[in-house]
């Protein structure tokens, strides 16, 4: 793996997992020393983070981009358009893996019935459902747009932490989506997706740290930096 790729992967992970919180500076020299790399690959990695929307210029320096309540709303606006379209296309596809979607629905239902699903297991299943939906929808433009969006969604998810009750409910919602696609019911797949996104957004906004937001150095409102602790 190229040095710049290693730097990008490490810094992206730090930002998504909130080890680098919103507004944190991204100095090339210090980051290079921490990663054991020269400034050039770190600079290239930061440029990619800027392109991803994970880093931005603020007061003349590069910092981790904020996660504001307004940004979360806009993110979910885009998510609903893309994911509902993907669910519809997947359900309508004669090439969809019916057995695979049915098995996923059963796995989500089993996780929900456990009462306290494993966080790792839940997100592994959610990732598999995303992959199957993208494959069944067979629209590379939708898939590409969703890949970029999911990077930000993973970061936003950390704002609200992983509450056991929400994981149980979300597992049930994912099961409904998978079953609707397996049945080939486009309207049910779309409705199940909308319902899931509605509950997800409501949970994130109601469980943000301290149920409040604070201002960053630029005066923009952003969730508190303690979110993922």
C-alpha atoms as a PDB file:
ATOM      1  CA  UNK A   1       0.000   0.000   0.000  1.00  0.00           C
ATOM      2  CA  UNK A   2       1.328   3.438  -0.938  1.00  0.00           C
ATOM      3  CA  UNK A   3       2.356   5.738   1.894  1.00  0.00           C
ATOM      4  CA  UNK A   4      -0.338   8.256   0.950  1.00  0.00           C
ATOM      5  CA  UNK A   5      -2.972   5.505   0.972  1.00  0.00           C
ATOM      6  CA  UNK A   6      -1.842   4.396   4.428  1.00  0.00           C
ATOM      7  CA  UNK A   7      -2.024   7.965   5.689  1.00  0.00           C
ATOM      8  CA  UNK A   8      -5.456   8.472   4.150  1.00  0.00           C
ATOM      9  CA  UNK A   9      -6.836   5.255   5.625  1.00  0.00           C
ATOM     10  CA  UNK A  10      -5.475   6.056   9.092  1.00  0.00           C
ATOM     11  CA  UNK A  11      -6.693   9.667   9.138  1.00  0.00           C
ATOM     12  CA  UNK A  12     -10.076   8.781   7.654  1.00  0.00           C
ATOM     13  CA  UNK A  13     -10.527   6.166  10.381  1.00  0.00           C
ATOM     14  CA  UNK A  14      -9.531   8.679  13.074  1.00  0.00           C
ATOM     15  CA  UNK A  15     -12.112  11.174  11.770  1.00  0.00           C
ATOM     16  CA  UNK A  16     -14.951   8.686  11.299  1.00  0.00           C
ATOM     17  CA  UNK A  17     -14.362   7.217  14.775  1.00  0.00           C
ATOM     18  CA  UNK A  18     -14.023  10.704  16.309  1.00  0.00           C
ATOM     19  CA  UNK A  19     -10.459  10.186  17.504  1.00  0.00           C
ATOM     20  CA  UNK A  20      -9.990  13.401  15.540  1.00  0.00           C
ATOM     21  CA  UNK A  21     -13.016  15.483  16.476  1.00  0.00           C
ATOM     22  CA  UNK A  22     -14.676  18.282  14.470  1.00  0.00           C
ATOM     23  CA  UNK A  23     -12.477  21.364  14.344  1.00  0.00           C
ATOM     24  CA  UNK A  24      -9.296  19.459  15.197  1.00  0.00           C
ATOM     25  CA  UNK A  25      -6.314  20.854  13.247  1.00  0.00           C
ATOM     26  CA  UNK A  26      -4.559  18.708  10.660  1.00  0.00           C
ATOM     27  CA  UNK A  27      -0.907  19.822  10.731  1.00  0.00           C
ATOM     28  CA  UNK A  28       1.173  17.912   8.215  1.00  0.00           C
ATOM     29  CA  UNK A  29       4.365  17.741  10.275  1.00  0.00           C
ATOM     30  CA  UNK A  30       2.778  16.506  13.496  1.00  0.00           C
ATOM     31  CA  UNK A  31       0.566  14.004  11.686  1.00  0.00           C
ATOM     32  CA  UNK A  32       3.529  12.755   9.688  1.00  0.00           C
ATOM     33  CA  UNK A  33       5.500  12.188  12.868  1.00  0.00           C
ATOM     34  CA  UNK A  34       2.644  10.308  14.464  1.00  0.00           C
ATOM     35  CA  UNK A  35       2.151   8.121  11.394  1.00  0.00           C
ATOM     36  CA  UNK A  36       5.855   7.700  10.727  1.00  0.00           C
ATOM     37  CA  UNK A  37       5.569   9.302   7.300  1.00  0.00           C
ATOM     38  CA  UNK A  38       6.972  12.317   5.480  1.00  0.00           C
ATOM     39  CA  UNK A  39       4.920  15.418   4.767  1.00  0.00           C
ATOM     40  CA  UNK A  40       4.241  14.583   1.111  1.00  0.00           C
ATOM     41  CA  UNK A  41       2.035  11.483   1.617  1.00  0.00           C
ATOM     42  CA  UNK A  42       0.282  13.202   4.523  1.00  0.00           C
ATOM     43  CA  UNK A  43      -0.417  16.242   2.332  1.00  0.00           C
ATOM     44  CA  UNK A  44      -1.826  13.958  -0.381  1.00  0.00           C
ATOM     45  CA  UNK A  45      -3.997  12.166   2.189  1.00  0.00           C
ATOM     46  CA  UNK A  46      -5.363  15.439   3.545  1.00  0.00           C
ATOM     47  CA  UNK A  47      -6.220  16.558   0.005  1.00  0.00           C
ATOM     48  CA  UNK A  48      -8.312  13.404  -0.359  1.00  0.00           C
ATOM     49  CA  UNK A  49     -10.014  14.101   2.974  1.00  0.00           C
ATOM     50  CA  UNK A  50     -10.913  17.578   1.719  1.00  0.00           C
ATOM     51  CA  UNK A  51     -12.376  16.021  -1.443  1.00  0.00           C
ATOM     52  CA  UNK A  52     -14.382  13.642   0.767  1.00  0.00           C
ATOM     53  CA  UNK A  53     -15.728  16.548   2.801  1.00  0.00           C
ATOM     54  CA  UNK A  54     -14.031  15.290   5.972  1.00  0.00           C
ATOM     55  CA  UNK A  55     -11.572  18.185   6.151  1.00  0.00           C
ATOM     56  CA  UNK A  56     -11.949  21.869   5.389  1.00  0.00           C
ATOM     57  CA  UNK A  57     -10.240  25.243   5.601  1.00  0.00           C
ATOM     58  CA  UNK A  58     -11.072  27.283   8.702  1.00  0.00           C
ATOM     59  CA  UNK A  59      -9.355  30.493   9.796  1.00  0.00           C
ATOM     60  CA  UNK A  60      -6.520  29.840   7.361  1.00  0.00           C
ATOM     61  CA  UNK A  61      -5.764  26.276   8.418  1.00  0.00           C
ATOM     62  CA  UNK A  62      -6.959  22.781   7.592  1.00  0.00           C
ATOM     63  CA  UNK A  63      -9.211  21.201  10.209  1.00  0.00           C
ATOM     64  CA  UNK A  64     -11.584  18.273  10.539  1.00  0.00           C
ATOM     65  CA  UNK A  65     -14.911  19.393   9.104  1.00  0.00           C
ATOM     66  CA  UNK A  66     -17.802  20.034  11.515  1.00  0.00           C
ATOM     67  CA  UNK A  67     -20.813  17.792  12.000  1.00  0.00           C
ATOM     68  CA  UNK A  68     -23.690  20.192  12.457  1.00  0.00           C
ATOM     69  CA  UNK A  69     -27.392  19.473  13.035  1.00  0.00           C
ATOM     70  CA  UNK A  70     -28.187  21.122   9.689  1.00  0.00           C
ATOM     71  CA  UNK A  71     -25.604  18.953   7.946  1.00  0.00           C
ATOM     72  CA  UNK A  72     -27.192  15.819   9.410  1.00  0.00           C
ATOM     73  CA  UNK A  73     -30.585  16.880   8.029  1.00  0.00           C
ATOM     74  CA  UNK A  74     -29.107  17.488   4.575  1.00  0.00           C
ATOM     75  CA  UNK A  75     -27.251  14.189   4.708  1.00  0.00           C
ATOM     76  CA  UNK A  76     -30.460  12.301   5.429  1.00  0.00           C
ATOM     77  CA  UNK A  77     -32.307  14.193   2.686  1.00  0.00           C
ATOM     78  CA  UNK A  78     -29.780  12.831   0.206  1.00  0.00           C
ATOM     79  CA  UNK A  79     -29.727   9.427   1.859  1.00  0.00           C
ATOM     80  CA  UNK A  80     -33.477   8.996   1.529  1.00  0.00           C
ATOM     81  CA  UNK A  81     -33.497   9.823  -2.178  1.00  0.00           C
ATOM     82  CA  UNK A  82     -30.646   7.419  -2.940  1.00  0.00           C
ATOM     83  CA  UNK A  83     -31.589   4.543  -0.653  1.00  0.00           C
ATOM     84  CA  UNK A  84     -35.278   4.541  -1.579  1.00  0.00           C
ATOM     85  CA  UNK A  85     -34.355   4.476  -5.272  1.00  0.00           C
ATOM     86  CA  UNK A  86     -31.921   1.620  -4.619  1.00  0.00           C
ATOM     87  CA  UNK A  87     -34.511  -0.377  -2.637  1.00  0.00           C
ATOM     88  CA  UNK A  88     -37.089   0.045  -5.414  1.00  0.00           C
ATOM     89  CA  UNK A  89     -34.677  -1.047  -8.122  1.00  0.00           C
ATOM     90  CA  UNK A  90     -33.457  -3.991  -6.057  1.00  0.00           C
ATOM     91  CA  UNK A  91     -37.009  -5.219  -5.387  1.00  0.00           C
ATOM     92  CA  UNK A  92     -37.924  -4.879  -9.061  1.00  0.00           C
ATOM     93  CA  UNK A  93     -34.848  -6.731 -10.294  1.00  0.00           C
ATOM     94  CA  UNK A  94     -35.495 -10.268 -11.577  1.00  0.00           C
ATOM     95  CA  UNK A  95     -31.803 -10.977 -10.877  1.00  0.00           C
ATOM     96  CA  UNK A  96     -32.041 -10.177  -7.161  1.00  0.00           C
ATOM     97  CA  UNK A  97     -30.763 -12.926  -4.846  1.00  0.00           C
ATOM     98  CA  UNK A  98     -34.086 -13.851  -3.224  1.00  0.00           C
ATOM     99  CA  UNK A  99     -32.555 -16.524  -1.002  1.00  0.00           C
ATOM    100  CA  UNK A 100     -29.828 -14.120   0.080  1.00  0.00           C
ATOM    101  CA  UNK A 101     -32.259 -11.378   1.060  1.00  0.00           C
ATOM    102  CA  UNK A 102     -34.458 -13.886   2.893  1.00  0.00           C
ATOM    103  CA  UNK A 103     -31.466 -15.200   4.824  1.00  0.00           C
ATOM    104  CA  UNK A 104     -30.491 -11.660   5.738  1.00  0.00           C
ATOM    105  CA  UNK A 105     -34.014 -10.901   6.964  1.00  0.00           C
ATOM    106  CA  UNK A 106     -33.867 -13.973   9.182  1.00  0.00           C
ATOM    107  CA  UNK A 107     -30.438 -12.988  10.508  1.00  0.00           C
ATOM    108  CA  UNK A 108     -31.677  -9.496  11.370  1.00  0.00           C
ATOM    109  CA  UNK A 109     -34.768 -10.952  13.060  1.00  0.00           C
ATOM    110  CA  UNK A 110     -32.576 -13.278  15.091  1.00  0.00           C
ATOM    111  CA  UNK A 111     -30.402 -10.336  16.124  1.00  0.00           C
ATOM    112  CA  UNK A 112     -33.474  -8.337  17.131  1.00  0.00           C
ATOM    113  CA  UNK A 113     -34.934 -11.209  19.140  1.00  0.00           C
ATOM    114  CA  UNK A 114     -31.684 -11.528  21.095  1.00  0.00           C
ATOM    115  CA  UNK A 115     -32.643  -8.301  22.872  1.00  0.00           C
ATOM    116  CA  UNK A 116     -29.096  -6.944  22.776  1.00  0.00           C
ATOM    117  CA  UNK A 117     -27.495  -7.624  19.389  1.00  0.00           C
ATOM    118  CA  UNK A 118     -23.742  -7.555  18.976  1.00  0.00           C
ATOM    119  CA  UNK A 119     -22.718  -4.172  17.563  1.00  0.00           C
ATOM    120  CA  UNK A 120     -20.119  -5.794  15.312  1.00  0.00           C
ATOM    121  CA  UNK A 121     -22.592  -8.429  14.115  1.00  0.00           C
ATOM    122  CA  UNK A 122     -25.265  -5.820  13.451  1.00  0.00           C
ATOM    123  CA  UNK A 123     -23.016  -3.597  11.325  1.00  0.00           C
ATOM    124  CA  UNK A 124     -21.634  -6.614   9.473  1.00  0.00           C
ATOM    125  CA  UNK A 125     -25.204  -7.552   8.518  1.00  0.00           C
ATOM    126  CA  UNK A 126     -26.046  -3.950   7.618  1.00  0.00           C
ATOM    127  CA  UNK A 127     -22.981  -3.781   5.385  1.00  0.00           C
ATOM    128  CA  UNK A 128     -23.976  -7.032   3.680  1.00  0.00           C
ATOM    129  CA  UNK A 129     -27.486  -5.710   3.068  1.00  0.00           C
ATOM    130  CA  UNK A 130     -26.051  -2.528   1.538  1.00  0.00           C
ATOM    131  CA  UNK A 131     -23.875  -4.611  -0.776  1.00  0.00           C
ATOM    132  CA  UNK A 132     -26.746  -6.858  -1.842  1.00  0.00           C
ATOM    133  CA  UNK A 133     -29.023  -3.888  -2.485  1.00  0.00           C
ATOM    134  CA  UNK A 134     -26.365  -2.160  -4.579  1.00  0.00           C
ATOM    135  CA  UNK A 135     -25.749  -5.349  -6.544  1.00  0.00           C
ATOM    136  CA  UNK A 136     -29.445  -6.019  -7.164  1.00  0.00           C
ATOM    137  CA  UNK A 137     -30.172  -2.415  -8.123  1.00  0.00           C
ATOM    138  CA  UNK A 138     -27.376  -2.668 -10.709  1.00  0.00           C
ATOM    139  CA  UNK A 139     -26.970   1.104 -11.019  1.00  0.00           C
ATOM    140  CA  UNK A 140     -23.285   2.045 -10.709  1.00  0.00           C
ATOM    141  CA  UNK A 141     -24.080   5.753 -10.410  1.00  0.00           C
ATOM    142  CA  UNK A 142     -26.348   5.180  -7.424  1.00  0.00           C
ATOM    143  CA  UNK A 143     -23.787   2.841  -5.877  1.00  0.00           C
ATOM    144  CA  UNK A 144     -20.989   5.376  -6.299  1.00  0.00           C
ATOM    145  CA  UNK A 145     -23.062   8.160  -4.752  1.00  0.00           C
ATOM    146  CA  UNK A 146     -23.990   5.935  -1.819  1.00  0.00           C
ATOM    147  CA  UNK A 147     -20.364   4.946  -1.175  1.00  0.00           C
ATOM    148  CA  UNK A 148     -19.457   8.577  -0.560  1.00  0.00           C
ATOM    149  CA  UNK A 149     -22.562   9.147   1.511  1.00  0.00           C
ATOM    150  CA  UNK A 150     -21.950   6.103   3.708  1.00  0.00           C
ATOM    151  CA  UNK A 151     -18.582   7.486   4.752  1.00  0.00           C
ATOM    152  CA  UNK A 152     -20.321  10.474   6.311  1.00  0.00           C
ATOM    153  CA  UNK A 153     -23.114   8.309   7.703  1.00  0.00           C
ATOM    154  CA  UNK A 154     -20.567   6.178   9.561  1.00  0.00           C
ATOM    155  CA  UNK A 155     -19.205   9.342  11.152  1.00  0.00           C
ATOM    156  CA  UNK A 156     -22.623  10.737  12.042  1.00  0.00           C
ATOM    157  CA  UNK A 157     -23.648   7.422  13.581  1.00  0.00           C
ATOM    158  CA  UNK A 158     -20.947   7.882  16.195  1.00  0.00           C
ATOM    159  CA  UNK A 159     -22.665  11.058  17.388  1.00  0.00           C
ATOM    160  CA  UNK A 160     -25.522   9.099  18.923  1.00  0.00           C
ATOM    161  CA  UNK A 161     -23.475   6.078  20.031  1.00  0.00           C
ATOM    162  CA  UNK A 162     -24.795   2.534  19.757  1.00  0.00           C
ATOM    163  CA  UNK A 163     -27.806   2.306  22.066  1.00  0.00           C
ATOM    164  CA  UNK A 164     -28.959  -1.325  22.525  1.00  0.00           C
ATOM    165  CA  UNK A 165     -32.645  -0.394  22.171  1.00  0.00           C
ATOM    166  CA  UNK A 166     -32.010   1.373  18.893  1.00  0.00           C
ATOM    167  CA  UNK A 167     -29.940  -1.531  17.567  1.00  0.00           C
ATOM    168  CA  UNK A 168     -32.839  -3.903  18.268  1.00  0.00           C
ATOM    169  CA  UNK A 169     -35.339  -1.633  16.519  1.00  0.00           C
ATOM    170  CA  UNK A 170     -32.967  -1.014  13.618  1.00  0.00           C
ATOM    171  CA  UNK A 171     -32.401  -4.758  13.170  1.00  0.00           C
ATOM    172  CA  UNK A 172     -36.157  -5.186  12.797  1.00  0.00           C
ATOM    173  CA  UNK A 173     -36.312  -2.338  10.276  1.00  0.00           C
ATOM    174  CA  UNK A 174     -33.484  -3.855   8.234  1.00  0.00           C
ATOM    175  CA  UNK A 175     -35.297  -7.200   8.283  1.00  0.00           C
ATOM    176  CA  UNK A 176     -38.405  -5.520   6.851  1.00  0.00           C
ATOM    177  CA  UNK A 177     -36.382  -3.996   4.006  1.00  0.00           C
ATOM    178  CA  UNK A 178     -34.711  -7.315   3.192  1.00  0.00           C
ATOM    179  CA  UNK A 179     -38.023  -9.211   3.218  1.00  0.00           C
ATOM    180  CA  UNK A 180     -39.724  -6.634   0.997  1.00  0.00           C
ATOM    181  CA  UNK A 181     -36.932  -6.900  -1.556  1.00  0.00           C
ATOM    182  CA  UNK A 182     -37.036 -10.702  -1.398  1.00  0.00           C
ATOM    183  CA  UNK A 183     -40.788 -10.533  -2.110  1.00  0.00           C
ATOM    184  CA  UNK A 184     -40.224  -8.165  -5.034  1.00  0.00           C
ATOM    185  CA  UNK A 185     -42.569  -5.590  -3.489  1.00  0.00           C
ATOM    186  CA  UNK A 186     -41.187  -2.232  -4.602  1.00  0.00           C
ATOM    187  CA  UNK A 187     -43.646  -0.097  -2.632  1.00  0.00           C
ATOM    188  CA  UNK A 188     -43.109  -2.051   0.578  1.00  0.00           C
ATOM    189  CA  UNK A 189     -39.329  -1.873   0.119  1.00  0.00           C
ATOM    190  CA  UNK A 190     -39.524   1.894  -0.358  1.00  0.00           C
ATOM    191  CA  UNK A 191     -41.852   2.371   2.623  1.00  0.00           C
ATOM    192  CA  UNK A 192     -39.674   0.202   4.882  1.00  0.00           C
ATOM    193  CA  UNK A 193     -36.619   2.213   3.869  1.00  0.00           C
ATOM    194  CA  UNK A 194     -38.343   5.544   4.557  1.00  0.00           C
ATOM    195  CA  UNK A 195     -39.488   4.319   7.965  1.00  0.00           C
ATOM    196  CA  UNK A 196     -35.997   3.125   8.874  1.00  0.00           C
ATOM    197  CA  UNK A 197     -34.406   6.425   7.866  1.00  0.00           C
ATOM    198  CA  UNK A 198     -37.049   8.409   9.776  1.00  0.00           C
ATOM    199  CA  UNK A 199     -36.306   6.496  12.983  1.00  0.00           C
ATOM    200  CA  UNK A 200     -32.534   6.677  12.439  1.00  0.00           C
ATOM    201  CA  UNK A 201     -32.561  10.447  12.000  1.00  0.00           C
ATOM    202  CA  UNK A 202     -34.834  10.951  15.006  1.00  0.00           C
ATOM    203  CA  UNK A 203     -32.526   8.823  17.148  1.00  0.00           C
ATOM    204  CA  UNK A 204     -29.369  10.654  16.076  1.00  0.00           C
ATOM    205  CA  UNK A 205     -30.897  14.066  16.735  1.00  0.00           C
ATOM    206  CA  UNK A 206     -32.337  13.088  20.106  1.00  0.00           C
ATOM    207  CA  UNK A 207     -29.211  11.289  21.350  1.00  0.00           C
ATOM    208  CA  UNK A 208     -26.542  13.758  20.267  1.00  0.00           C
ATOM    209  CA  UNK A 209     -24.137  14.517  23.139  1.00  0.00           C
ATOM    210  CA  UNK A 210     -25.945  16.377  25.894  1.00  0.00           C
ATOM    211  CA  UNK A 211     -28.878  16.827  23.469  1.00  0.00           C
ATOM    212  CA  UNK A 212     -27.237  20.142  22.588  1.00  0.00           C
ATOM    213  CA  UNK A 213     -24.865  21.530  20.014  1.00  0.00           C
ATOM    214  CA  UNK A 214     -21.992  23.954  20.441  1.00  0.00           C
ATOM    215  CA  UNK A 215     -20.165  26.408  18.198  1.00  0.00           C
ATOM    216  CA  UNK A 216     -16.794  25.652  16.674  1.00  0.00           C
ATOM    217  CA  UNK A 217     -14.014  28.190  16.133  1.00  0.00           C
ATOM    218  CA  UNK A 218     -15.727  29.602  13.067  1.00  0.00           C
ATOM    219  CA  UNK A 219     -18.989  30.147  14.942  1.00  0.00           C
ATOM    220  CA  UNK A 220     -20.741  27.301  13.145  1.00  0.00           C
ATOM    221  CA  UNK A 221     -22.940  25.083  15.311  1.00  0.00           C
ATOM    222  CA  UNK A 222     -21.547  21.566  15.620  1.00  0.00           C
ATOM    223  CA  UNK A 223     -22.105  18.599  17.864  1.00  0.00           C
ATOM    224  CA  UNK A 224     -19.868  18.478  20.915  1.00  0.00           C
ATOM    225  CA  UNK A 225     -16.473  16.882  20.422  1.00  0.00           C
ATOM    226  CA  UNK A 226     -17.192  14.375  23.188  1.00  0.00           C
ATOM    227  CA  UNK A 227     -19.741  12.597  21.015  1.00  0.00           C
ATOM    228  CA  UNK A 228     -17.956   9.337  20.404  1.00  0.00           C
ATOM    229  CA  UNK A 229     -16.379   8.881  23.805  1.00  0.00           C
END
